[in-house]
């Protein structure tokens, strides 16, 4: 379950990206966040992923307060040029988060990408 409890995020320049949002997404439910550029979608996801702390309120994953990047949660931004490392193969980019989780090299190498993808 994902829960946002009165979450607000205001940046140093005074821009408020999210203002007093409360939302509960039950486990297993697919939820889509839609809105125009600049309405706070990415900011909200960064709060969920632990990359940003809300200015006020709290975000929870499975009932636990999110204070750092939760184990088992991954976030890939739509603009791939900022998320992927272009000098690495597709497979190497896919396996990269496993380094931070201290997965053994042999296990990382067993992760395969789809046919047709290099890496």
PDB file of N, CA and C in Angstrom:
ATOM      1  N   UNK A   1       0.839  -1.174   0.000  1.00  0.00           N
ATOM      2  CA  UNK A   1       0.000   0.000   0.000  1.00  0.00           C
ATOM      3  C   UNK A   1       0.890   1.245   0.000  1.00  0.00           C
ATOM      4  N   UNK A   2       0.472   2.219  -0.758  1.00  0.00           N
ATOM      5  CA  UNK A   2       1.148   3.523  -0.799  1.00  0.00           C
ATOM      6  C   UNK A   2       0.202   4.530  -0.161  1.00  0.00           C
ATOM      7  N   UNK A   3       0.752   5.367   0.701  1.00  0.00           N
ATOM      8  CA  UNK A   3      -0.081   6.395   1.322  1.00  0.00           C
ATOM      9  C   UNK A   3       0.666   7.719   1.384  1.00  0.00           C
ATOM     10  N   UNK A   4       0.011   8.745   0.915  1.00  0.00           N
ATOM     11  CA  UNK A   4       0.494  10.117   1.066  1.00  0.00           C
ATOM     12  C   UNK A   4      -0.452  10.793   2.046  1.00  0.00           C
ATOM     13  N   UNK A   5       0.105  11.324   3.109  1.00  0.00           N
ATOM     14  CA  UNK A   5      -0.704  11.938   4.168  1.00  0.00           C
ATOM     15  C   UNK A   5      -0.381  13.430   4.244  1.00  0.00           C
ATOM     16  N   UNK A   6      -1.256  14.244   3.704  1.00  0.00           N
ATOM     17  CA  UNK A   6      -1.106  15.719   3.719  1.00  0.00           C
ATOM     18  C   UNK A   6       0.270  16.145   3.216  1.00  0.00           C
ATOM     19  N   UNK A   7       0.721  15.561   2.115  1.00  0.00           N
ATOM     20  CA  UNK A   7       2.051  15.844   1.580  1.00  0.00           C
ATOM     21  C   UNK A   7       2.066  17.166   0.816  1.00  0.00           C
ATOM     22  N   UNK A   8       3.031  17.980   1.144  1.00  0.00           N
ATOM     23  CA  UNK A   8       3.306  19.216   0.411  1.00  0.00           C
ATOM     24  C   UNK A   8       4.797  19.270   0.142  1.00  0.00           C
ATOM     25  N   UNK A   9       5.146  19.862  -0.993  1.00  0.00           N
ATOM     26  CA  UNK A   9       6.560  20.075  -1.307  1.00  0.00           C
ATOM     27  C   UNK A   9       6.703  21.455  -1.921  1.00  0.00           C
ATOM     28  N   UNK A  10       7.435  22.294  -1.210  1.00  0.00           N
ATOM     29  CA  UNK A  10       7.747  23.636  -1.684  1.00  0.00           C
ATOM     30  C   UNK A  10       9.263  23.738  -1.783  1.00  0.00           C
ATOM     31  N   UNK A  11       9.740  24.212  -2.915  1.00  0.00           N
ATOM     32  CA  UNK A  11      11.172  24.324  -3.150  1.00  0.00           C
ATOM     33  C   UNK A  11      11.700  25.656  -2.626  1.00  0.00           C
ATOM     34  N   UNK A  12      13.020  25.770  -2.542  1.00  0.00           N
ATOM     35  CA  UNK A  12      13.661  26.974  -1.987  1.00  0.00           C
ATOM     36  C   UNK A  12      13.252  28.266  -2.692  1.00  0.00           C
ATOM     37  N   UNK A  13      12.956  28.153  -3.994  1.00  0.00           N
ATOM     38  CA  UNK A  13      12.580  29.360  -4.736  1.00  0.00           C
ATOM     39  C   UNK A  13      11.123  29.754  -4.494  1.00  0.00           C
ATOM     40  N   UNK A  14      10.418  29.003  -3.627  1.00  0.00           N
ATOM     41  CA  UNK A  14       9.035  29.319  -3.295  1.00  0.00           C
ATOM     42  C   UNK A  14       8.009  28.584  -4.144  1.00  0.00           C
ATOM     43  N   UNK A  15       8.454  27.814  -5.124  1.00  0.00           N
ATOM     44  CA  UNK A  15       7.544  27.057  -5.973  1.00  0.00           C
ATOM     45  C   UNK A  15       6.951  25.892  -5.201  1.00  0.00           C
ATOM     46  N   UNK A  16       5.628  25.821  -5.172  1.00  0.00           N
ATOM     47  CA  UNK A  16       4.948  24.686  -4.537  1.00  0.00           C
ATOM     48  C   UNK A  16       4.566  23.715  -5.633  1.00  0.00           C
ATOM     49  N   UNK A  17       5.134  22.518  -5.571  1.00  0.00           N
ATOM     50  CA  UNK A  17       4.873  21.499  -6.589  1.00  0.00           C
ATOM     51  C   UNK A  17       3.723  20.589  -6.182  1.00  0.00           C
ATOM     52  N   UNK A  18       3.604  20.303  -4.900  1.00  0.00           N
ATOM     53  CA  UNK A  18       2.528  19.465  -4.367  1.00  0.00           C
ATOM     54  C   UNK A  18       1.998  20.190  -3.137  1.00  0.00           C
ATOM     55  N   UNK A  19       0.675  20.281  -3.032  1.00  0.00           N
ATOM     56  CA  UNK A  19       0.085  21.048  -1.938  1.00  0.00           C
ATOM     57  C   UNK A  19      -0.985  20.240  -1.216  1.00  0.00           C
ATOM     58  N   UNK A  20      -0.636  19.734  -0.030  1.00  0.00           N
ATOM     59  CA  UNK A  20      -1.567  19.066   0.872  1.00  0.00           C
ATOM     60  C   UNK A  20      -2.298  17.901   0.205  1.00  0.00           C
ATOM     61  N   UNK A  21      -1.537  16.992  -0.375  1.00  0.00           N
ATOM     62  CA  UNK A  21      -2.115  15.828  -1.056  1.00  0.00           C
ATOM     63  C   UNK A  21      -2.231  14.651  -0.097  1.00  0.00           C
ATOM     64  N   UNK A  22      -3.412  14.075  -0.030  1.00  0.00           N
ATOM     65  CA  UNK A  22      -3.632  12.832   0.704  1.00  0.00           C
ATOM     66  C   UNK A  22      -4.187  11.814  -0.280  1.00  0.00           C
ATOM     67  N   UNK A  23      -3.601  10.638  -0.292  1.00  0.00           N
ATOM     68  CA  UNK A  23      -3.978   9.610  -1.256  1.00  0.00           C
ATOM     69  C   UNK A  23      -3.582   8.249  -0.703  1.00  0.00           C
ATOM     70  N   UNK A  24      -4.452   7.262  -0.863  1.00  0.00           N
ATOM     71  CA  UNK A  24      -4.135   5.888  -0.488  1.00  0.00           C
ATOM     72  C   UNK A  24      -4.300   5.025  -1.728  1.00  0.00           C
ATOM     73  N   UNK A  25      -3.255   4.261  -2.055  1.00  0.00           N
ATOM     74  CA  UNK A  25      -3.288   3.314  -3.169  1.00  0.00           C
ATOM     75  C   UNK A  25      -3.105   1.925  -2.566  1.00  0.00           C
ATOM     76  N   UNK A  26      -4.168   1.111  -2.561  1.00  0.00           N
ATOM     77  CA  UNK A  26      -4.063  -0.231  -1.985  1.00  0.00           C
ATOM     78  C   UNK A  26      -3.059  -1.100  -2.751  1.00  0.00           C
ATOM     79  N   UNK A  27      -2.462  -2.046  -2.066  1.00  0.00           N
ATOM     80  CA  UNK A  27      -1.528  -2.985  -2.703  1.00  0.00           C
ATOM     81  C   UNK A  27      -2.222  -3.688  -3.861  1.00  0.00           C
ATOM     82  N   UNK A  28      -1.513  -3.822  -4.963  1.00  0.00           N
ATOM     83  CA  UNK A  28      -2.037  -4.518  -6.126  1.00  0.00           C
ATOM     84  C   UNK A  28      -2.867  -3.657  -7.049  1.00  0.00           C
ATOM     85  N   UNK A  29      -3.198  -2.449  -6.650  1.00  0.00           N
ATOM     86  CA  UNK A  29      -3.992  -1.560  -7.494  1.00  0.00           C
ATOM     87  C   UNK A  29      -3.088  -0.797  -8.440  1.00  0.00           C
ATOM     88  N   UNK A  30      -3.499  -0.661  -9.673  1.00  0.00           N
ATOM     89  CA  UNK A  30      -2.759   0.148 -10.643  1.00  0.00           C
ATOM     90  C   UNK A  30      -3.353   1.544 -10.622  1.00  0.00           C
ATOM     91  N   UNK A  31      -2.513   2.526 -10.436  1.00  0.00           N
ATOM     92  CA  UNK A  31      -2.946   3.912 -10.359  1.00  0.00           C
ATOM     93  C   UNK A  31      -2.116   4.740 -11.326  1.00  0.00           C
ATOM     94  N   UNK A  32      -2.773   5.647 -12.020  1.00  0.00           N
ATOM     95  CA  UNK A  32      -2.104   6.506 -12.989  1.00  0.00           C
ATOM     96  C   UNK A  32      -2.209   7.946 -12.504  1.00  0.00           C
ATOM     97  N   UNK A  33      -1.096   8.652 -12.561  1.00  0.00           N
ATOM     98  CA  UNK A  33      -1.081  10.076 -12.206  1.00  0.00           C
ATOM     99  C   UNK A  33      -0.904  10.845 -13.507  1.00  0.00           C
ATOM    100  N   UNK A  34      -1.893  11.647 -13.837  1.00  0.00           N
ATOM    101  CA  UNK A  34      -1.906  12.365 -15.108  1.00  0.00           C
ATOM    102  C   UNK A  34      -2.044  13.853 -14.836  1.00  0.00           C
ATOM    103  N   UNK A  35      -1.340  14.660 -15.609  1.00  0.00           N
ATOM    104  CA  UNK A  35      -1.471  16.108 -15.491  1.00  0.00           C
ATOM    105  C   UNK A  35      -0.459  16.796 -16.376  1.00  0.00           C
ATOM    106  N   UNK A  36      -0.622  18.082 -16.534  1.00  0.00           N
ATOM    107  CA  UNK A  36       0.285  18.839 -17.409  1.00  0.00           C
ATOM    108  C   UNK A  36       1.686  18.947 -16.810  1.00  0.00           C
ATOM    109  N   UNK A  37       2.625  19.271 -17.643  1.00  0.00           N
ATOM    110  CA  UNK A  37       4.002  19.476 -17.204  1.00  0.00           C
ATOM    111  C   UNK A  37       4.038  20.507 -16.084  1.00  0.00           C
ATOM    112  N   UNK A  38       4.767  20.182 -15.033  1.00  0.00           N
ATOM    113  CA  UNK A  38       4.932  21.120 -13.928  1.00  0.00           C
ATOM    114  C   UNK A  38       3.879  21.032 -12.845  1.00  0.00           C
ATOM    115  N   UNK A  39       2.978  20.042 -12.912  1.00  0.00           N
ATOM    116  CA  UNK A  39       1.901  19.978 -11.907  1.00  0.00           C
ATOM    117  C   UNK A  39       2.298  19.191 -10.659  1.00  0.00           C
ATOM    118  N   UNK A  40       3.487  18.560 -10.648  1.00  0.00           N
ATOM    119  CA  UNK A  40       3.960  17.887  -9.443  1.00  0.00           C
ATOM    120  C   UNK A  40       4.026  16.372  -9.523  1.00  0.00           C
ATOM    121  N   UNK A  41       3.786  15.791 -10.695  1.00  0.00           N
ATOM    122  CA  UNK A  41       3.811  14.322 -10.824  1.00  0.00           C
ATOM    123  C   UNK A  41       5.166  13.745 -10.446  1.00  0.00           C
ATOM    124  N   UNK A  42       6.220  14.265 -11.026  1.00  0.00           N
ATOM    125  CA  UNK A  42       7.569  13.750 -10.752  1.00  0.00           C
ATOM    126  C   UNK A  42       7.973  14.040  -9.311  1.00  0.00           C
ATOM    127  N   UNK A  43       7.625  15.197  -8.810  1.00  0.00           N
ATOM    128  CA  UNK A  43       7.936  15.535  -7.417  1.00  0.00           C
ATOM    129  C   UNK A  43       7.285  14.527  -6.474  1.00  0.00           C
ATOM    130  N   UNK A  44       6.038  14.178  -6.750  1.00  0.00           N
ATOM    131  CA  UNK A  44       5.337  13.197  -5.918  1.00  0.00           C
ATOM    132  C   UNK A  44       6.039  11.841  -5.971  1.00  0.00           C
ATOM    133  N   UNK A  45       6.428  11.406  -7.169  1.00  0.00           N
ATOM    134  CA  UNK A  45       7.131  10.128  -7.301  1.00  0.00           C
ATOM    135  C   UNK A  45       8.496  10.168  -6.617  1.00  0.00           C
ATOM    136  N   UNK A  46       9.163  11.309  -6.650  1.00  0.00           N
ATOM    137  CA  UNK A  46      10.451  11.427  -5.957  1.00  0.00           C
ATOM    138  C   UNK A  46      10.263  11.344  -4.444  1.00  0.00           C
ATOM    139  N   UNK A  47       9.152  11.858  -3.937  1.00  0.00           N
ATOM    140  CA  UNK A  47       8.851  11.720  -2.504  1.00  0.00           C
ATOM    141  C   UNK A  47       8.578  10.259  -2.161  1.00  0.00           C
ATOM    142  N   UNK A  48       7.889   9.565  -3.043  1.00  0.00           N
ATOM    143  CA  UNK A  48       7.613   8.138  -2.835  1.00  0.00           C
ATOM    144  C   UNK A  48       8.893   7.310  -2.871  1.00  0.00           C
ATOM    145  N   UNK A  49       9.814   7.681  -3.758  1.00  0.00           N
ATOM    146  CA  UNK A  49      11.038   6.901  -3.924  1.00  0.00           C
ATOM    147  C   UNK A  49      12.117   7.243  -2.897  1.00  0.00           C
ATOM    148  N   UNK A  50      11.874   8.248  -2.080  1.00  0.00           N
ATOM    149  CA  UNK A  50      12.868   8.641  -1.091  1.00  0.00           C
ATOM    150  C   UNK A  50      13.924   9.592  -1.622  1.00  0.00           C
ATOM    151  N   UNK A  51      13.773  10.024  -2.868  1.00  0.00           N
ATOM    152  CA  UNK A  51      14.746  10.956  -3.445  1.00  0.00           C
ATOM    153  C   UNK A  51      14.525  12.387  -2.967  1.00  0.00           C
ATOM    154  N   UNK A  52      13.307  12.711  -2.551  1.00  0.00           N
ATOM    155  CA  UNK A  52      12.968  14.025  -1.991  1.00  0.00           C
ATOM    156  C   UNK A  52      12.172  13.807  -0.717  1.00  0.00           C
ATOM    157  N   UNK A  53      12.367  14.678   0.238  1.00  0.00           N
ATOM    158  CA  UNK A  53      11.537  14.648   1.437  1.00  0.00           C
ATOM    159  C   UNK A  53      10.424  15.689   1.258  1.00  0.00           C
ATOM    160  N   UNK A  54       9.207  15.347   1.645  1.00  0.00           N
ATOM    161  CA  UNK A  54       8.138  16.351   1.596  1.00  0.00           C
ATOM    162  C   UNK A  54       8.465  17.515   2.533  1.00  0.00           C
ATOM    163  N   UNK A  55       8.011  18.709   2.181  1.00  0.00           N
ATOM    164  CA  UNK A  55       8.173  19.860   3.078  1.00  0.00           C
ATOM    165  C   UNK A  55       7.301  19.683   4.312  1.00  0.00           C
ATOM    166  N   UNK A  56       6.149  19.053   4.106  1.00  0.00           N
ATOM    167  CA  UNK A  56       5.271  18.712   5.231  1.00  0.00           C
ATOM    168  C   UNK A  56       4.482  17.464   4.851  1.00  0.00           C
ATOM    169  N   UNK A  57       3.919  16.819   5.848  1.00  0.00           N
ATOM    170  CA  UNK A  57       3.202  15.580   5.620  1.00  0.00           C
ATOM    171  C   UNK A  57       4.166  14.409   5.564  1.00  0.00           C
ATOM    172  N   UNK A  58       3.653  13.261   5.134  1.00  0.00           N
ATOM    173  CA  UNK A  58       4.476  12.054   5.131  1.00  0.00           C
ATOM    174  C   UNK A  58       4.019  11.108   4.030  1.00  0.00           C
ATOM    175  N   UNK A  59       4.968  10.302   3.554  1.00  0.00           N
ATOM    176  CA  UNK A  59       4.688   9.261   2.566  1.00  0.00           C
ATOM    177  C   UNK A  59       5.043   7.920   3.200  1.00  0.00           C
ATOM    178  N   UNK A  60       4.195   6.915   2.941  1.00  0.00           N
ATOM    179  CA  UNK A  60       4.373   5.589   3.520  1.00  0.00           C
ATOM    180  C   UNK A  60       4.303   4.532   2.427  1.00  0.00           C
ATOM    181  N   UNK A  61       5.105   3.506   2.576  1.00  0.00           N
ATOM    182  CA  UNK A  61       5.041   2.338   1.704  1.00  0.00           C
ATOM    183  C   UNK A  61       4.853   1.126   2.598  1.00  0.00           C
ATOM    184  N   UNK A  62       3.763   0.396   2.371  1.00  0.00           N
ATOM    185  CA  UNK A  62       3.407  -0.763   3.206  1.00  0.00           C
ATOM    186  C   UNK A  62       3.423  -0.412   4.693  1.00  0.00           C
ATOM    187  N   UNK A  63       2.928   0.795   5.021  1.00  0.00           N
ATOM    188  CA  UNK A  63       2.802   1.222   6.404  1.00  0.00           C
ATOM    189  C   UNK A  63       4.067   1.778   7.034  1.00  0.00           C
ATOM    190  N   UNK A  64       5.173   1.781   6.291  1.00  0.00           N
ATOM    191  CA  UNK A  64       6.437   2.279   6.838  1.00  0.00           C
ATOM    192  C   UNK A  64       6.733   3.662   6.268  1.00  0.00           C
ATOM    193  N   UNK A  65       7.093   4.585   7.152  1.00  0.00           N
ATOM    194  CA  UNK A  65       7.453   5.937   6.748  1.00  0.00           C
ATOM    195  C   UNK A  65       8.634   5.884   5.791  1.00  0.00           C
ATOM    196  N   UNK A  66       8.539   6.596   4.679  1.00  0.00           N
ATOM    197  CA  UNK A  66       9.629   6.614   3.704  1.00  0.00           C
ATOM    198  C   UNK A  66      10.614   7.707   4.104  1.00  0.00           C
ATOM    199  N   UNK A  67      11.798   7.276   4.499  1.00  0.00           N
ATOM    200  CA  UNK A  67      12.853   8.208   4.898  1.00  0.00           C
ATOM    201  C   UNK A  67      14.078   8.080   3.998  1.00  0.00           C
ATOM    202  N   UNK A  68      14.147   6.979   3.251  1.00  0.00           N
ATOM    203  CA  UNK A  68      15.209   6.735   2.290  1.00  0.00           C
ATOM    204  C   UNK A  68      14.609   5.882   1.180  1.00  0.00           C
ATOM    205  N   UNK A  69      15.387   5.593   0.159  1.00  0.00           N
ATOM    206  CA  UNK A  69      14.871   4.776  -0.943  1.00  0.00           C
ATOM    207  C   UNK A  69      14.483   3.395  -0.422  1.00  0.00           C
ATOM    208  N   UNK A  70      13.193   3.036  -0.563  1.00  0.00           N
ATOM    209  CA  UNK A  70      12.751   1.739  -0.047  1.00  0.00           C
ATOM    210  C   UNK A  70      13.330   0.571  -0.850  1.00  0.00           C
ATOM    211  N   UNK A  71      13.670  -0.507  -0.157  1.00  0.00           N
ATOM    212  CA  UNK A  71      14.113  -1.726  -0.834  1.00  0.00           C
ATOM    213  C   UNK A  71      12.987  -2.231  -1.723  1.00  0.00           C
ATOM    214  N   UNK A  72      13.338  -2.713  -2.894  1.00  0.00           N
ATOM    215  CA  UNK A  72      12.347  -3.298  -3.789  1.00  0.00           C
ATOM    216  C   UNK A  72      11.575  -2.294  -4.615  1.00  0.00           C
ATOM    217  N   UNK A  73      11.877  -1.012  -4.489  1.00  0.00           N
ATOM    218  CA  UNK A  73      11.177   0.008  -5.261  1.00  0.00           C
ATOM    219  C   UNK A  73      12.155   0.623  -6.249  1.00  0.00           C
ATOM    220  N   UNK A  74      11.739   0.738  -7.495  1.00  0.00           N
ATOM    221  CA  UNK A  74      12.592   1.340  -8.518  1.00  0.00           C
ATOM    222  C   UNK A  74      11.816   2.438  -9.220  1.00  0.00           C
ATOM    223  N   UNK A  75      12.507   3.468  -9.617  1.00  0.00           N
ATOM    224  CA  UNK A  75      11.904   4.586 -10.325  1.00  0.00           C
ATOM    225  C   UNK A  75      12.764   4.876 -11.547  1.00  0.00           C
ATOM    226  N   UNK A  76      12.161   4.829 -12.714  1.00  0.00           N
ATOM    227  CA  UNK A  76      12.866   5.152 -13.957  1.00  0.00           C
ATOM    228  C   UNK A  76      12.178   6.367 -14.555  1.00  0.00           C
ATOM    229  N   UNK A  77      12.911   7.435 -14.735  1.00  0.00           N
ATOM    230  CA  UNK A  77      12.334   8.658 -15.258  1.00  0.00           C
ATOM    231  C   UNK A  77      12.092   8.542 -16.750  1.00  0.00           C
ATOM    232  N   UNK A  78      11.105   9.274 -17.245  1.00  0.00           N
ATOM    233  CA  UNK A  78      10.728   9.191 -18.645  1.00  0.00           C
ATOM    234  C   UNK A  78      11.844   9.685 -19.561  1.00  0.00           C
ATOM    235  N   UNK A  79      12.577  10.680 -19.129  1.00  0.00           N
ATOM    236  CA  UNK A  79      13.658  11.198 -19.955  1.00  0.00           C
ATOM    237  C   UNK A  79      14.888  10.326 -19.724  1.00  0.00           C
ATOM    238  N   UNK A  80      15.030   9.338 -20.562  1.00  0.00           N
ATOM    239  CA  UNK A  80      16.040   8.303 -20.353  1.00  0.00           C
ATOM    240  C   UNK A  80      17.466   8.832 -20.385  1.00  0.00           C
ATOM    241  N   UNK A  81      17.690   9.941 -21.087  1.00  0.00           N
ATOM    242  CA  UNK A  81      19.057  10.450 -21.179  1.00  0.00           C
ATOM    243  C   UNK A  81      19.598  10.859 -19.815  1.00  0.00           C
ATOM    244  N   UNK A  82      18.728  11.125 -18.853  1.00  0.00           N
ATOM    245  CA  UNK A  82      19.169  11.482 -17.502  1.00  0.00           C
ATOM    246  C   UNK A  82      19.181  10.277 -16.571  1.00  0.00           C
ATOM    247  N   UNK A  83      18.557   9.185 -16.991  1.00  0.00           N
ATOM    248  CA  UNK A  83      18.435   8.022 -16.125  1.00  0.00           C
ATOM    249  C   UNK A  83      19.402   6.915 -16.496  1.00  0.00           C
ATOM    250  N   UNK A  84      19.677   6.782 -17.793  1.00  0.00           N
ATOM    251  CA  UNK A  84      20.543   5.703 -18.263  1.00  0.00           C
ATOM    252  C   UNK A  84      21.944   6.230 -18.506  1.00  0.00           C
ATOM    253  N   UNK A  85      22.898   5.348 -18.422  1.00  0.00           N
ATOM    254  CA  UNK A  85      24.285   5.710 -18.687  1.00  0.00           C
ATOM    255  C   UNK A  85      24.588   5.291 -20.123  1.00  0.00           C
ATOM    256  N   UNK A  86      24.723   6.261 -21.031  1.00  0.00           N
ATOM    257  CA  UNK A  86      24.803   5.943 -22.458  1.00  0.00           C
ATOM    258  C   UNK A  86      26.030   5.126 -22.859  1.00  0.00           C
ATOM    259  N   UNK A  87      27.077   5.108 -22.060  1.00  0.00           N
ATOM    260  CA  UNK A  87      28.275   4.342 -22.397  1.00  0.00           C
ATOM    261  C   UNK A  87      28.146   2.871 -21.993  1.00  0.00           C
ATOM    262  N   UNK A  88      27.033   2.546 -21.290  1.00  0.00           N
ATOM    263  CA  UNK A  88      26.818   1.172 -20.868  1.00  0.00           C
ATOM    264  C   UNK A  88      25.772   0.511 -21.760  1.00  0.00           C
ATOM    265  N   UNK A  89      25.818  -0.808 -21.833  1.00  0.00           N
ATOM    266  CA  UNK A  89      24.817  -1.549 -22.602  1.00  0.00           C
ATOM    267  C   UNK A  89      23.474  -1.493 -21.880  1.00  0.00           C
ATOM    268  N   UNK A  90      22.408  -1.894 -22.582  1.00  0.00           N
ATOM    269  CA  UNK A  90      21.086  -1.952 -21.961  1.00  0.00           C
ATOM    270  C   UNK A  90      21.129  -2.864 -20.743  1.00  0.00           C
ATOM    271  N   UNK A  91      21.713  -4.035 -20.921  1.00  0.00           N
ATOM    272  CA  UNK A  91      21.788  -4.986 -19.815  1.00  0.00           C
ATOM    273  C   UNK A  91      22.538  -4.435 -18.621  1.00  0.00           C
ATOM    274  N   UNK A  92      23.637  -3.749 -18.871  1.00  0.00           N
ATOM    275  CA  UNK A  92      24.418  -3.173 -17.775  1.00  0.00           C
ATOM    276  C   UNK A  92      23.616  -2.102 -17.034  1.00  0.00           C
ATOM    277  N   UNK A  93      22.832  -1.305 -17.762  1.00  0.00           N
ATOM    278  CA  UNK A  93      21.973  -0.309 -17.129  1.00  0.00           C
ATOM    279  C   UNK A  93      20.894  -0.976 -16.286  1.00  0.00           C
ATOM    280  N   UNK A  94      20.331  -2.077 -16.795  1.00  0.00           N
ATOM    281  CA  UNK A  94      19.295  -2.798 -16.057  1.00  0.00           C
ATOM    282  C   UNK A  94      19.869  -3.392 -14.775  1.00  0.00           C
ATOM    283  N   UNK A  95      21.089  -3.902 -14.853  1.00  0.00           N
ATOM    284  CA  UNK A  95      21.708  -4.549 -13.686  1.00  0.00           C
ATOM    285  C   UNK A  95      22.322  -3.562 -12.697  1.00  0.00           C
ATOM    286  N   UNK A  96      22.499  -2.323 -13.080  1.00  0.00           N
ATOM    287  CA  UNK A  96      23.185  -1.340 -12.236  1.00  0.00           C
ATOM    288  C   UNK A  96      22.604  -1.220 -10.821  1.00  0.00           C
ATOM    289  N   UNK A  97      21.286  -1.143 -10.641  1.00  0.00           N
ATOM    290  CA  UNK A  97      20.768  -1.031  -9.262  1.00  0.00           C
ATOM    291  C   UNK A  97      21.129  -2.216  -8.376  1.00  0.00           C
ATOM    292  N   UNK A  98      21.422  -3.346  -8.968  1.00  0.00           N
ATOM    293  CA  UNK A  98      21.782  -4.523  -8.175  1.00  0.00           C
ATOM    294  C   UNK A  98      23.124  -4.344  -7.473  1.00  0.00           C
ATOM    295  N   UNK A  99      23.975  -3.479  -8.014  1.00  0.00           N
ATOM    296  CA  UNK A  99      25.257  -3.197  -7.355  1.00  0.00           C
ATOM    297  C   UNK A  99      25.025  -2.605  -5.971  1.00  0.00           C
ATOM    298  N   UNK A 100      24.091  -1.655  -5.888  1.00  0.00           N
ATOM    299  CA  UNK A 100      23.792  -1.003  -4.613  1.00  0.00           C
ATOM    300  C   UNK A 100      23.182  -1.948  -3.596  1.00  0.00           C
ATOM    301  N   UNK A 101      22.607  -3.031  -4.084  1.00  0.00           N
ATOM    302  CA  UNK A 101      22.013  -4.016  -3.179  1.00  0.00           C
ATOM    303  C   UNK A 101      22.980  -5.149  -2.875  1.00  0.00           C
ATOM    304  N   UNK A 102      24.208  -5.010  -3.348  1.00  0.00           N
ATOM    305  CA  UNK A 102      25.282  -5.974  -3.087  1.00  0.00           C
ATOM    306  C   UNK A 102      24.954  -7.381  -3.569  1.00  0.00           C
ATOM    307  N   UNK A 103      24.301  -7.443  -4.735  1.00  0.00           N
ATOM    308  CA  UNK A 103      24.023  -8.736  -5.355  1.00  0.00           C
ATOM    309  C   UNK A 103      25.317  -9.231  -5.984  1.00  0.00           C
ATOM    310  N   UNK A 104      25.627 -10.499  -5.775  1.00  0.00           N
ATOM    311  CA  UNK A 104      26.876 -11.061  -6.298  1.00  0.00           C
ATOM    312  C   UNK A 104      26.939 -10.941  -7.814  1.00  0.00           C
ATOM    313  N   UNK A 105      28.158 -10.811  -8.329  1.00  0.00           N
ATOM    314  CA  UNK A 105      28.393 -10.651  -9.764  1.00  0.00           C
ATOM    315  C   UNK A 105      27.739 -11.775 -10.571  1.00  0.00           C
ATOM    316  N   UNK A 106      27.849 -13.005 -10.102  1.00  0.00           N
ATOM    317  CA  UNK A 106      27.267 -14.132 -10.837  1.00  0.00           C
ATOM    318  C   UNK A 106      25.744 -13.999 -10.948  1.00  0.00           C
ATOM    319  N   UNK A 107      25.109 -13.507  -9.885  1.00  0.00           N
ATOM    320  CA  UNK A 107      23.659 -13.306  -9.928  1.00  0.00           C
ATOM    321  C   UNK A 107      23.305 -12.133 -10.841  1.00  0.00           C
ATOM    322  N   UNK A 108      24.105 -11.058 -10.789  1.00  0.00           N
ATOM    323  CA  UNK A 108      23.842  -9.909 -11.671  1.00  0.00           C
ATOM    324  C   UNK A 108      23.949 -10.320 -13.124  1.00  0.00           C
ATOM    325  N   UNK A 109      24.928 -11.143 -13.440  1.00  0.00           N
ATOM    326  CA  UNK A 109      25.123 -11.573 -14.829  1.00  0.00           C
ATOM    327  C   UNK A 109      23.990 -12.462 -15.319  1.00  0.00           C
ATOM    328  N   UNK A 110      23.250 -13.074 -14.394  1.00  0.00           N
ATOM    329  CA  UNK A 110      22.151 -13.946 -14.807  1.00  0.00           C
ATOM    330  C   UNK A 110      20.913 -13.148 -15.225  1.00  0.00           C
ATOM    331  N   UNK A 111      20.894 -11.848 -14.932  1.00  0.00           N
ATOM    332  CA  UNK A 111      19.754 -11.005 -15.339  1.00  0.00           C
ATOM    333  C   UNK A 111      19.868 -10.754 -16.830  1.00  0.00           C
ATOM    334  N   UNK A 112      18.848 -11.141 -17.552  1.00  0.00           N
ATOM    335  CA  UNK A 112      18.866 -11.027 -19.004  1.00  0.00           C
ATOM    336  C   UNK A 112      17.876  -9.950 -19.452  1.00  0.00           C
ATOM    337  N   UNK A 113      18.195  -9.318 -20.580  1.00  0.00           N
ATOM    338  CA  UNK A 113      17.268  -8.376 -21.192  1.00  0.00           C
ATOM    339  C   UNK A 113      16.496  -9.089 -22.280  1.00  0.00           C
ATOM    340  N   UNK A 114      15.494  -8.445 -22.835  1.00  0.00           N
ATOM    341  CA  UNK A 114      14.686  -9.039 -23.888  1.00  0.00           C
ATOM    342  C   UNK A 114      15.532  -9.317 -25.119  1.00  0.00           C
ATOM    343  N   UNK A 115      15.137 -10.330 -25.905  1.00  0.00           N
ATOM    344  CA  UNK A 115      15.837 -10.586 -27.171  1.00  0.00           C
ATOM    345  C   UNK A 115      15.802  -9.329 -28.030  1.00  0.00           C
ATOM    346  N   UNK A 116      16.908  -9.040 -28.667  1.00  0.00           N
ATOM    347  CA  UNK A 116      16.991  -7.853 -29.505  1.00  0.00           C
ATOM    348  C   UNK A 116      17.629  -6.678 -28.819  1.00  0.00           C
ATOM    349  N   UNK A 117      17.720  -6.709 -27.476  1.00  0.00           N
ATOM    350  CA  UNK A 117      18.368  -5.649 -26.730  1.00  0.00           C
ATOM    351  C   UNK A 117      19.828  -6.052 -26.521  1.00  0.00           C
ATOM    352  N   UNK A 118      20.720  -5.140 -26.748  1.00  0.00           N
ATOM    353  CA  UNK A 118      22.131  -5.495 -26.538  1.00  0.00           C
ATOM    354  C   UNK A 118      22.446  -5.390 -25.058  1.00  0.00           C
ATOM    355  N   UNK A 119      23.332  -6.248 -24.598  1.00  0.00           N
ATOM    356  CA  UNK A 119      23.767  -6.131 -23.234  1.00  0.00           C
ATOM    357  C   UNK A 119      23.726  -7.360 -22.471  1.00  0.00           C
TER     358      UNK A 119
END
